[in-house]
C-alpha atoms as a PDB file:
ATOM      1  CA  MET A   1       0.799  12.680 -21.463  1.00  0.00           C
ATOM      2  CA  ILE A   2       2.266  10.218 -23.520  1.00  0.00           C
ATOM      3  CA  VAL A   3       1.778   6.618 -22.014  1.00  0.00           C
ATOM      4  CA  SER A   4       4.571   3.707 -22.872  1.00  0.00           C
ATOM      5  CA  LYS A   5       2.775   0.706 -25.269  1.00  0.00           C
ATOM      6  CA  GLN A   6       3.262  -1.248 -21.761  1.00  0.00           C
ATOM      7  CA  VAL A   7       0.805   1.561 -20.222  1.00  0.00           C
ATOM      8  CA  GLN A   8      -1.400   1.570 -23.069  1.00  0.00           C
ATOM      9  CA  ASN A   9      -2.091  -2.288 -23.270  1.00  0.00           C
ATOM     10  CA  VAL A  10      -2.838  -2.152 -19.544  1.00  0.00           C
ATOM     11  CA  LEU A  11      -5.658   1.073 -20.114  1.00  0.00           C
ATOM     12  CA  ASP A  12      -7.018  -1.228 -22.814  1.00  0.00           C
ATOM     13  CA  PHE A  13      -7.528  -3.977 -20.454  1.00  0.00           C
ATOM     14  CA  ILE A  14      -9.105  -2.449 -17.848  1.00  0.00           C
ATOM     15  CA  GLN A  15     -11.427  -0.658 -20.721  1.00  0.00           C
ATOM     16  CA  LYS A  16     -12.692  -3.813 -21.311  1.00  0.00           C
ATOM     17  CA  ILE A  17     -13.517  -5.235 -17.997  1.00  0.00           C
ATOM     18  CA  GLU A  18     -16.936  -5.839 -17.510  1.00  0.00           C
ATOM     19  CA  ILE A  19     -19.143  -5.866 -14.184  1.00  0.00           C
ATOM     20  CA  GLU A  20     -22.592  -7.024 -13.204  1.00  0.00           C
ATOM     21  CA  GLU A  21     -25.156  -4.506 -13.201  1.00  0.00           C
ATOM     22  CA  ASN A  22     -27.076  -5.336 -10.034  1.00  0.00           C
ATOM     23  CA  LEU A  23     -24.174  -4.508  -7.936  1.00  0.00           C
ATOM     24  CA  ASN A  24     -24.397  -1.651  -5.410  1.00  0.00           C
ATOM     25  CA  PRO A  25     -21.565   1.211  -5.995  1.00  0.00           C
ATOM     26  CA  TRP A  26     -18.716  -0.361  -3.968  1.00  0.00           C
ATOM     27  CA  GLU A  27     -19.480  -4.078  -4.618  1.00  0.00           C
ATOM     28  CA  ALA A  28     -18.994  -2.664  -8.234  1.00  0.00           C
ATOM     29  CA  ASN A  29     -15.466  -1.043  -7.122  1.00  0.00           C
ATOM     30  CA  ARG A  30     -14.461  -4.151  -5.518  1.00  0.00           C
ATOM     31  CA  ALA A  31     -15.578  -6.432  -8.153  1.00  0.00           C
ATOM     32  CA  PHE A  32     -13.889  -4.248 -10.917  1.00  0.00           C
ATOM     33  CA  TYR A  33     -10.397  -4.072  -8.661  1.00  0.00           C
ATOM     34  CA  THR A  34     -10.356  -8.248  -8.670  1.00  0.00           C
ATOM     35  CA  ASN A  35     -10.303  -7.814 -12.442  1.00  0.00           C
ATOM     36  CA  PHE A  36      -6.980  -6.366 -12.027  1.00  0.00           C
ATOM     37  CA  ILE A  37      -5.518  -9.593 -11.016  1.00  0.00           C
ATOM     38  CA  PRO A  38      -4.053 -10.793 -14.212  1.00  0.00           C
ATOM     39  CA  LEU A  39      -2.467  -7.690 -14.749  1.00  0.00           C
ATOM     40  CA  ALA A  40       0.254  -9.071 -12.529  1.00  0.00           C
ATOM     41  CA  GLY A  41       1.463 -11.487 -14.326  1.00  0.00           C
ATOM     42  CA  LYS A  42       2.400 -15.299 -13.397  1.00  0.00           C
ATOM     43  CA  LYS A  43       2.405 -16.445  -9.462  1.00  0.00           C
ATOM     44  CA  GLU A  44       5.452 -17.255  -8.285  1.00  0.00           C
ATOM     45  CA  ALA A  45       6.554 -20.237  -6.153  1.00  0.00           C
ATOM     46  CA  VAL A  46       7.435 -19.077  -2.254  1.00  0.00           C
ATOM     47  CA  PHE A  47       8.715 -21.234   0.324  1.00  0.00           C
ATOM     48  CA  GLN A  48       5.567 -21.374   2.520  1.00  0.00           C
ATOM     49  CA  ILE A  49       2.355 -19.433   2.425  1.00  0.00           C
ATOM     50  CA  THR A  50      -0.191 -19.823   5.062  1.00  0.00           C
ATOM     51  CA  GLU A  51      -3.235 -17.877   6.587  1.00  0.00           C
ATOM     52  CA  GLN A  52      -4.097 -17.032   9.980  1.00  0.00           C
ATOM     53  CA  THR A  53      -6.953 -15.284  11.975  1.00  0.00           C
ATOM     54  CA  LEU A  54      -6.277 -12.626  14.721  1.00  0.00           C
ATOM     55  CA  SER A  55      -9.504 -11.955  16.925  1.00  0.00           C
ATOM     56  CA  ASP A  56      -9.871  -8.391  18.098  1.00  0.00           C
ATOM     57  CA  ASN A  57     -12.796  -8.625  20.445  1.00  0.00           C
ATOM     58  CA  ASN A  58     -15.816  -9.320  17.850  1.00  0.00           C
ATOM     59  CA  ASN A  59     -13.729  -8.573  15.090  1.00  0.00           C
ATOM     60  CA  SER A  60     -11.799 -11.009  13.163  1.00  0.00           C
ATOM     61  CA  ILE A  61      -8.734  -9.859  10.829  1.00  0.00           C
ATOM     62  CA  ASN A  62      -7.385 -12.777   8.300  1.00  0.00           C
ATOM     63  CA  LEU A  63      -3.603 -12.082   7.612  1.00  0.00           C
ATOM     64  CA  ARG A  64      -1.919 -14.343   4.372  1.00  0.00           C
ATOM     65  CA  ILE A  65       1.623 -14.763   5.332  1.00  0.00           C
ATOM     66  CA  TYR A  66       4.446 -15.552   3.088  1.00  0.00           C
ATOM     67  CA  ARG A  67       7.418 -16.921   4.131  1.00  0.00           C
ATOM     68  CA  PRO A  68      10.397 -17.376   1.503  1.00  0.00           C
ATOM     69  CA  ASN A  69      12.951 -19.490   3.386  1.00  0.00           C
ATOM     70  CA  ASP A  70      13.234 -21.327   6.623  1.00  0.00           C
ATOM     71  CA  ASP A  71      16.017 -18.864   8.265  1.00  0.00           C
ATOM     72  CA  GLU A  72      15.566 -18.269  11.974  1.00  0.00           C
ATOM     73  CA  LYS A  73      14.629 -14.387  13.057  1.00  0.00           C
ATOM     74  CA  GLN A  74      13.821 -13.212   9.446  1.00  0.00           C
ATOM     75  CA  PRO A  75      12.911  -9.616   8.805  1.00  0.00           C
ATOM     76  CA  VAL A  76       9.155  -8.818   8.119  1.00  0.00           C
ATOM     77  CA  ILE A  77       7.252  -6.703   5.741  1.00  0.00           C
ATOM     78  CA  ILE A  78       3.501  -6.175   7.072  1.00  0.00           C
ATOM     79  CA  TYR A  79       1.778  -4.937   4.096  1.00  0.00           C
ATOM     80  CA  PHE A  80      -1.615  -2.931   3.633  1.00  0.00           C
ATOM     81  CA  HIS A  81      -3.274  -3.321   0.448  1.00  0.00           C
ATOM     82  CA  GLY A  82      -4.244  -0.335  -2.082  1.00  0.00           C
ATOM     83  CA  GLY A  83      -8.133   0.044  -2.978  1.00  0.00           C
ATOM     84  CA  TRP A  84      -9.168   3.306  -2.184  1.00  0.00           C
ATOM     85  CA  PHE A  85      -9.981   2.117   1.415  1.00  0.00           C
ATOM     86  CA  ASN A  86     -12.838   0.669  -0.075  1.00  0.00           C
ATOM     87  CA  ALA A  87     -11.780  -2.666  -2.319  1.00  0.00           C
ATOM     88  CA  GLY A  88      -8.688  -4.744  -2.565  1.00  0.00           C
ATOM     89  CA  SER A  89      -8.077  -7.998  -0.305  1.00  0.00           C
ATOM     90  CA  LEU A  90      -5.393 -10.483   0.093  1.00  0.00           C
ATOM     91  CA  GLU A  91      -6.180 -11.802  -3.327  1.00  0.00           C
ATOM     92  CA  THR A  92      -5.705  -8.465  -5.403  1.00  0.00           C
ATOM     93  CA  HIS A  93      -1.980  -8.340  -4.353  1.00  0.00           C
ATOM     94  CA  ASP A  94      -1.302 -11.790  -4.065  1.00  0.00           C
ATOM     95  CA  THR A  95       0.852 -12.203  -6.923  1.00  0.00           C
ATOM     96  CA  PRO A  96       3.252  -8.973  -6.290  1.00  0.00           C
ATOM     97  CA  LEU A  97       3.670  -9.979  -2.800  1.00  0.00           C
ATOM     98  CA  ARG A  98       5.019 -13.309  -4.029  1.00  0.00           C
ATOM     99  CA  GLN A  99       7.288 -11.655  -5.513  1.00  0.00           C
ATOM    100  CA  LEU A 100       8.329  -9.001  -3.102  1.00  0.00           C
ATOM    101  CA  ALA A 101       8.829 -12.023  -0.428  1.00  0.00           C
ATOM    102  CA  ASN A 102      11.191 -13.873  -2.531  1.00  0.00           C
ATOM    103  CA  ALA A 103      12.774 -10.689  -4.089  1.00  0.00           C
ATOM    104  CA  THR A 104      13.711  -9.295  -0.457  1.00  0.00           C
ATOM    105  CA  GLN A 105      14.255 -12.839   1.375  1.00  0.00           C
ATOM    106  CA  SER A 106      11.699 -11.414   4.106  1.00  0.00           C
ATOM    107  CA  THR A 107       8.792 -12.693   5.623  1.00  0.00           C
ATOM    108  CA  ILE A 108       5.602 -10.685   4.311  1.00  0.00           C
ATOM    109  CA  ILE A 109       2.302 -10.258   6.391  1.00  0.00           C
ATOM    110  CA  ALA A 110      -0.489  -9.141   4.226  1.00  0.00           C
ATOM    111  CA  VAL A 111      -3.765  -7.593   6.322  1.00  0.00           C
ATOM    112  CA  ASP A 112      -7.087  -8.207   5.133  1.00  0.00           C
ATOM    113  CA  TYR A 113      -8.014  -4.610   7.320  1.00  0.00           C
ATOM    114  CA  ARG A 114     -11.780  -3.672   7.060  1.00  0.00           C
ATOM    115  CA  LEU A 115     -13.246  -1.747   4.383  1.00  0.00           C
ATOM    116  CA  ALA A 116     -15.835   1.309   3.799  1.00  0.00           C
ATOM    117  CA  PRO A 117     -18.301   2.039   3.413  1.00  0.00           C
ATOM    118  CA  GLU A 118     -19.562  -0.810   5.715  1.00  0.00           C
ATOM    119  CA  HIS A 119     -16.703  -0.123   8.108  1.00  0.00           C
ATOM    120  CA  PRO A 120     -15.389   3.609   7.903  1.00  0.00           C
ATOM    121  CA  PHE A 121     -12.338   5.338   9.715  1.00  0.00           C
ATOM    122  CA  PRO A 122     -11.249   4.337  12.074  1.00  0.00           C
ATOM    123  CA  ALA A 123     -12.164   0.503  11.547  1.00  0.00           C
ATOM    124  CA  GLY A 124      -9.184   0.039   8.999  1.00  0.00           C
ATOM    125  CA  LEU A 125      -6.650   1.557  10.550  1.00  0.00           C
ATOM    126  CA  ASN A 126      -7.502  -0.038  13.722  1.00  0.00           C
ATOM    127  CA  ASP A 127      -7.275  -3.416  12.468  1.00  0.00           C
ATOM    128  CA  CYS A 128      -3.830  -2.692  11.077  1.00  0.00           C
ATOM    129  CA  GLU A 129      -2.548  -1.654  14.136  1.00  0.00           C
ATOM    130  CA  PHE A 130      -3.881  -4.699  16.474  1.00  0.00           C
ATOM    131  CA  VAL A 131      -1.845  -6.699  13.798  1.00  0.00           C
ATOM    132  CA  VAL A 132       1.418  -4.947  14.516  1.00  0.00           C
ATOM    133  CA  LYS A 133       0.688  -4.792  18.200  1.00  0.00           C
ATOM    134  CA  TRP A 134       0.310  -8.730  17.886  1.00  0.00           C
ATOM    135  CA  LEU A 135       3.405  -9.079  15.604  1.00  0.00           C
ATOM    136  CA  ILE A 136       5.699  -6.986  18.116  1.00  0.00           C
ATOM    137  CA  GLU A 137       4.683  -9.009  20.943  1.00  0.00           C
ATOM    138  CA  ASN A 138       4.943 -12.110  19.518  1.00  0.00           C
ATOM    139  CA  ALA A 139       7.965 -11.600  17.116  1.00  0.00           C
ATOM    140  CA  LEU A 140      10.074 -14.252  18.291  1.00  0.00           C
ATOM    141  CA  SER A 141       7.656 -16.796  18.810  1.00  0.00           C
ATOM    142  CA  ILE A 142       6.436 -16.937  15.119  1.00  0.00           C
ATOM    143  CA  ASN A 143      10.298 -16.737  13.942  1.00  0.00           C
ATOM    144  CA  ILE A 144      10.437 -12.458  13.139  1.00  0.00           C
ATOM    145  CA  ASP A 145      13.352 -10.321  14.153  1.00  0.00           C
ATOM    146  CA  PRO A 146      11.848  -7.440  16.000  1.00  0.00           C
ATOM    147  CA  GLU A 147      14.756  -5.268  15.125  1.00  0.00           C
ATOM    148  CA  LYS A 148      13.746  -5.398  11.218  1.00  0.00           C
ATOM    149  CA  ILE A 149       9.922  -4.810  11.193  1.00  0.00           C
ATOM    150  CA  ILE A 150       9.263  -3.008   7.932  1.00  0.00           C
ATOM    151  CA  ILE A 151       5.902  -1.291   7.221  1.00  0.00           C
ATOM    152  CA  ALA A 152       4.859  -1.253   3.521  1.00  0.00           C
ATOM    153  CA  GLY A 153       1.506  -0.211   1.563  1.00  0.00           C
ATOM    154  CA  ASP A 154       0.166   1.189  -1.685  1.00  0.00           C
ATOM    155  CA  SER A 155      -2.148   3.983  -2.821  1.00  0.00           C
ATOM    156  CA  ALA A 156      -4.873   3.649   0.396  1.00  0.00           C
ATOM    157  CA  GLY A 157      -2.557   1.386   1.865  1.00  0.00           C
ATOM    158  CA  GLY A 158       0.088   3.860   1.747  1.00  0.00           C
ATOM    159  CA  ALA A 159      -2.034   6.199   4.162  1.00  0.00           C
ATOM    160  CA  LEU A 160      -2.772   3.217   6.691  1.00  0.00           C
ATOM    161  CA  ALA A 161       1.372   2.590   6.497  1.00  0.00           C
ATOM    162  CA  SER A 162       2.088   5.922   7.074  1.00  0.00           C
ATOM    163  CA  SER A 163      -0.250   6.531  10.167  1.00  0.00           C
ATOM    164  CA  ILE A 164       1.096   2.814  11.488  1.00  0.00           C
ATOM    165  CA  THR A 165       4.648   3.760  10.959  1.00  0.00           C
ATOM    166  CA  ARG A 166       4.086   6.814  13.089  1.00  0.00           C
ATOM    167  CA  LYS A 167       2.150   5.475  15.528  1.00  0.00           C
ATOM    168  CA  PHE A 168       4.874   2.923  16.132  1.00  0.00           C
ATOM    169  CA  ARG A 169       7.816   4.747  14.886  1.00  0.00           C
ATOM    170  CA  SER A 170      10.165   3.727  17.730  1.00  0.00           C
ATOM    171  CA  LYS A 171       9.815  -0.398  16.525  1.00  0.00           C
ATOM    172  CA  ILE A 172       9.706   0.390  12.700  1.00  0.00           C
ATOM    173  CA  ALA A 173      12.894  -0.380  11.187  1.00  0.00           C
ATOM    174  CA  VAL A 174      11.962   1.197   7.435  1.00  0.00           C
ATOM    175  CA  GLN A 175       8.422   2.270   5.740  1.00  0.00           C
ATOM    176  CA  LEU A 176       7.954   1.476   2.165  1.00  0.00           C
ATOM    177  CA  LEU A 177       5.277   3.741   0.461  1.00  0.00           C
ATOM    178  CA  ILE A 178       4.032   3.105  -2.836  1.00  0.00           C
ATOM    179  CA  TYR A 179       2.270   6.115  -4.631  1.00  0.00           C
ATOM    180  CA  PRO A 180       0.521   6.848  -1.001  1.00  0.00           C
ATOM    181  CA  VAL A 181      -2.536   8.619  -0.555  1.00  0.00           C
ATOM    182  CA  THR A 182      -1.788  11.499   1.852  1.00  0.00           C
ATOM    183  CA  SER A 183      -4.578  14.063   1.171  1.00  0.00           C
ATOM    184  CA  ASN A 184      -8.477  14.321   1.033  1.00  0.00           C
ATOM    185  CA  ASP A 185      -7.719  17.737  -0.499  1.00  0.00           C
ATOM    186  CA  LEU A 186      -7.535  16.569  -3.993  1.00  0.00           C
ATOM    187  CA  LYS A 187      -6.347  20.009  -5.031  1.00  0.00           C
ATOM    188  CA  THR A 188      -2.899  19.614  -6.209  1.00  0.00           C
ATOM    189  CA  ALA A 189      -1.528  20.338  -9.636  1.00  0.00           C
ATOM    190  CA  SER A 190      -1.541  16.565 -10.367  1.00  0.00           C
ATOM    191  CA  TRP A 191      -5.204  15.946  -9.440  1.00  0.00           C
ATOM    192  CA  ILE A 192      -6.149  18.794 -11.662  1.00  0.00           C
ATOM    193  CA  GLU A 193      -3.895  17.665 -14.353  1.00  0.00           C
ATOM    194  CA  PHE A 194      -5.140  13.874 -13.773  1.00  0.00           C
ATOM    195  CA  GLN A 195      -8.879  14.571 -12.954  1.00  0.00           C
ATOM    196  CA  ASN A 196     -10.158  12.338 -15.602  1.00  0.00           C
ATOM    197  CA  GLY A 197      -7.511   9.737 -15.146  1.00  0.00           C
ATOM    198  CA  PRO A 198      -5.664   7.740 -16.260  1.00  0.00           C
ATOM    199  CA  LEU A 199      -7.101   4.957 -13.902  1.00  0.00           C
ATOM    200  CA  LEU A 200      -7.957   7.264 -11.035  1.00  0.00           C
ATOM    201  CA  ASP A 201     -10.297  10.054 -11.601  1.00  0.00           C
ATOM    202  CA  LEU A 202     -11.339  13.141  -9.125  1.00  0.00           C
ATOM    203  CA  LYS A 203     -15.056  11.752  -8.951  1.00  0.00           C
ATOM    204  CA  SER A 204     -13.697   8.409  -7.456  1.00  0.00           C
ATOM    205  CA  GLY A 205     -11.511  10.206  -5.487  1.00  0.00           C
ATOM    206  CA  ILE A 206     -14.333  12.284  -3.866  1.00  0.00           C
ATOM    207  CA  GLN A 207     -16.341   9.335  -3.480  1.00  0.00           C
ATOM    208  CA  ALA A 208     -13.737   7.379  -1.860  1.00  0.00           C
ATOM    209  CA  TRP A 209     -12.896   9.900   0.848  1.00  0.00           C
ATOM    210  CA  ASP A 210     -16.807  10.621   1.541  1.00  0.00           C
ATOM    211  CA  TRP A 211     -17.303   6.560   2.239  1.00  0.00           C
ATOM    212  CA  TYR A 212     -14.214   6.225   4.134  1.00  0.00           C
ATOM    213  CA  LEU A 213     -14.020   9.499   6.154  1.00  0.00           C
ATOM    214  CA  PRO A 214     -16.820  10.124   8.632  1.00  0.00           C
ATOM    215  CA  ASP A 215     -17.633  14.084   9.371  1.00  0.00           C
ATOM    216  CA  ASN A 216     -16.035  13.927  12.651  1.00  0.00           C
ATOM    217  CA  TYR A 217     -12.710  12.750  11.522  1.00  0.00           C
ATOM    218  CA  LYS A 218     -12.390  15.133   8.700  1.00  0.00           C
ATOM    219  CA  ASN A 219      -9.078  16.726  10.246  1.00  0.00           C
ATOM    220  CA  ASP A 220      -7.681  13.779  11.596  1.00  0.00           C
ATOM    221  CA  SER A 221      -4.224  12.994  10.980  1.00  0.00           C
ATOM    222  CA  ASP A 222      -4.317   9.277  11.467  1.00  0.00           C
ATOM    223  CA  ALA A 223      -6.325   9.552   8.190  1.00  0.00           C
ATOM    224  CA  ILE A 224      -5.028  12.130   6.307  1.00  0.00           C
ATOM    225  CA  PRO A 225      -0.837  11.832   6.677  1.00  0.00           C
ATOM    226  CA  LEU A 226       0.048  14.993   5.288  1.00  0.00           C
ATOM    227  CA  LEU A 227      -1.932  16.989   8.154  1.00  0.00           C
ATOM    228  CA  ALA A 228       0.642  15.016  10.659  1.00  0.00           C
ATOM    229  CA  ASN A 229       3.103  17.520  12.141  1.00  0.00           C
ATOM    230  CA  ASP A 230       4.809  14.605  14.371  1.00  0.00           C
ATOM    231  CA  LEU A 231       7.151  13.105  11.731  1.00  0.00           C
ATOM    232  CA  SER A 232      10.480  13.665  13.663  1.00  0.00           C
ATOM    233  CA  GLY A 233      12.030  10.374  14.493  1.00  0.00           C
ATOM    234  CA  LEU A 234      10.696   8.316  11.502  1.00  0.00           C
ATOM    235  CA  PRO A 235      12.655   5.199  10.529  1.00  0.00           C
ATOM    236  CA  PRO A 236      13.871   5.540   6.833  1.00  0.00           C
ATOM    237  CA  THR A 237      11.330   5.909   3.897  1.00  0.00           C
ATOM    238  CA  PHE A 238      11.118   4.756   0.748  1.00  0.00           C
ATOM    239  CA  ILE A 239       8.308   6.792  -1.523  1.00  0.00           C
ATOM    240  CA  ALA A 240       7.326   5.537  -5.143  1.00  0.00           C
ATOM    241  CA  VAL A 241       5.248   7.870  -7.289  1.00  0.00           C
ATOM    242  CA  ALA A 242       3.993   7.708 -10.750  1.00  0.00           C
ATOM    243  CA  GLU A 243       4.407  10.465 -13.212  1.00  0.00           C
ATOM    244  CA  TYR A 244       1.025   9.964 -14.427  1.00  0.00           C
ATOM    245  CA  ASP A 245      -1.033   9.597 -11.454  1.00  0.00           C
ATOM    246  CA  PRO A 246      -3.161  12.185  -9.539  1.00  0.00           C
ATOM    247  CA  LEU A 247      -1.606  11.176  -6.115  1.00  0.00           C
ATOM    248  CA  ARG A 248       1.825  11.903  -7.592  1.00  0.00           C
ATOM    249  CA  ASP A 249       2.137  15.746  -5.765  1.00  0.00           C
ATOM    250  CA  GLU A 250       0.594  14.666  -2.204  1.00  0.00           C
ATOM    251  CA  ALA A 251       2.984  11.958  -2.167  1.00  0.00           C
ATOM    252  CA  ILE A 252       5.513  14.586  -3.099  1.00  0.00           C
ATOM    253  CA  GLN A 253       4.272  16.966  -0.661  1.00  0.00           C
ATOM    254  CA  TYR A 254       4.399  13.999   2.424  1.00  0.00           C
ATOM    255  CA  ALA A 255       8.325  12.999   1.080  1.00  0.00           C
ATOM    256  CA  GLU A 256       9.360  16.961   1.747  1.00  0.00           C
ATOM    257  CA  LYS A 257       7.222  17.105   5.018  1.00  0.00           C
ATOM    258  CA  ILE A 258       9.548  14.209   6.380  1.00  0.00           C
ATOM    259  CA  LYS A 259      12.403  15.799   5.119  1.00  0.00           C
ATOM    260  CA  LYS A 260      11.864  18.925   6.930  1.00  0.00           C
ATOM    261  CA  ALA A 261      11.246  17.097  10.046  1.00  0.00           C
ATOM    262  CA  GLU A 262      14.667  15.693   9.186  1.00  0.00           C
ATOM    263  CA  GLY A 263      13.730  12.279   7.947  1.00  0.00           C
ATOM    264  CA  SER A 264      15.757  10.266   5.850  1.00  0.00           C
ATOM    265  CA  VAL A 265      13.404   9.830   2.307  1.00  0.00           C
ATOM    266  CA  LYS A 266      14.447   8.235  -0.808  1.00  0.00           C
ATOM    267  CA  LEU A 267      11.867   9.613  -3.460  1.00  0.00           C
ATOM    268  CA  ASN A 268      11.538   7.699  -6.813  1.00  0.00           C
ATOM    269  CA  LEU A 269       9.434   9.225  -9.653  1.00  0.00           C
ATOM    270  CA  TYR A 270       8.622   6.316 -12.407  1.00  0.00           C
ATOM    271  CA  LYS A 271       7.953   8.053 -15.405  1.00  0.00           C
ATOM    272  CA  GLY A 272       5.631   6.978 -18.280  1.00  0.00           C
ATOM    273  CA  THR A 273       3.746   5.207 -15.881  1.00  0.00           C
ATOM    274  CA  THR A 274       0.044   5.223 -14.119  1.00  0.00           C
ATOM    275  CA  HIS A 275      -1.164   4.468 -10.705  1.00  0.00           C
ATOM    276  CA  GLY A 276      -1.538   0.892  -9.543  1.00  0.00           C
ATOM    277  CA  PHE A 277       1.540  -0.026 -11.289  1.00  0.00           C
ATOM    278  CA  PHE A 278       2.930  -2.138  -8.823  1.00  0.00           C
ATOM    279  CA  GLN A 279       0.432  -4.947  -9.213  1.00  0.00           C
ATOM    280  CA  MET A 280       1.105  -4.745 -13.323  1.00  0.00           C
ATOM    281  CA  GLY A 281       4.276  -6.412 -13.374  1.00  0.00           C
ATOM    282  CA  GLY A 282       2.943  -8.935 -16.289  1.00  0.00           C
ATOM    283  CA  PHE A 283       2.296  -5.964 -18.474  1.00  0.00           C
ATOM    284  CA  ILE A 284       4.813  -2.776 -16.941  1.00  0.00           C
ATOM    285  CA  ALA A 285       8.421  -3.158 -16.769  1.00  0.00           C
ATOM    286  CA  ASP A 286       8.507  -0.575 -13.958  1.00  0.00           C
ATOM    287  CA  SER A 287       7.132  -2.896 -11.948  1.00  0.00           C
ATOM    288  CA  LYS A 288      10.240  -5.217 -11.210  1.00  0.00           C
ATOM    289  CA  ILE A 289      11.958  -1.775 -11.626  1.00  0.00           C
ATOM    290  CA  LEU A 290      10.208  -0.478  -8.442  1.00  0.00           C
ATOM    291  CA  MET A 291      10.649  -4.156  -6.861  1.00  0.00           C
ATOM    292  CA  GLN A 292      14.517  -3.860  -7.212  1.00  0.00           C
ATOM    293  CA  ASP A 293      14.598  -0.332  -6.280  1.00  0.00           C
ATOM    294  CA  MET A 294      12.484  -1.587  -2.857  1.00  0.00           C
ATOM    295  CA  VAL A 295      14.878  -4.584  -2.474  1.00  0.00           C
ATOM    296  CA  ASP A 296      17.960  -2.288  -2.967  1.00  0.00           C
ATOM    297  CA  PHE A 297      16.840   0.254  -0.200  1.00  0.00           C
ATOM    298  CA  LEU A 298      16.033  -2.619   2.378  1.00  0.00           C
ATOM    299  CA  ASN A 299      19.283  -3.828   1.554  1.00  0.00           C
ATOM    300  CA  ASN A 300      21.047  -0.640   2.254  1.00  0.00           C
ATOM    301  CA  THR A 301      19.140   0.149   5.289  1.00  0.00           C
ATOM    302  CA  VAL A 302      17.863  -2.961   7.679  1.00  0.00           C
ATOM    303  CA  ILE A 303      17.929  -6.674   5.651  1.00  0.00           C
ATOM    304  CA  THR A 304      21.260  -6.700   5.322  1.00  0.00           C
ATOM    305  CA  LYS A 305      22.430  -5.041   8.552  1.00  0.00           C
END
């Protein structure tokens, strides 16, 4: 494995992160992940950023809404953040989502779904589903074009995005999956090659799935996208994978499965990069390349049509 100087600088930065010793394992994961924020670089100004809380029975779901302009009936990207199902927040992805809102000139709704292990599957997925239902029902009143709903997510958020797109396929115009989690098997060639990292490792993968997935859901395709067999009729799909990422091969397998179901997929491999580079735009140039690739894909499939 030969990483670029940019990636090596990121790895050096991460190596120096210090976490309080008195935290439990998942709290330590969250603190560690939050410390990645400076890697994303400078925060761009956005026309309007607001926050909203939805209530689903006794559960509150926080949203952050990025509006790049005041146009009527804007395309909308509903975004589910990564973090191995047990970390991540509205803050961890704030910088790249500002950039994505400006680049695509689309409203972005970031979803602060519940995390494991306190809230194992299907709690987080249920939150995401509730938000999408709410948006579909209220699209016009919140100035969203109901014909241009885009589902997106990175890593664990990519797993959630995959399942949500399947559930709402007739309502979704495009899905954007950034190095998505698609399997709990952890036995692909890329998992074997990169079982010790960089960034993700096999031990953390096993722990993440153990926290997230109760025994009675071990074969649930809503949790494990690669197990899904109902992939016909999906919207155009963009999948980004990093060369030095244990998740690389399972994402490629998911792309191939969509193709076998006669779906339209654009699969982009970013060579020399590692998992998480979407959030590392202050260091890694491929983050901006990925951003532009998503803009181009959306322009060709939904936004300008």
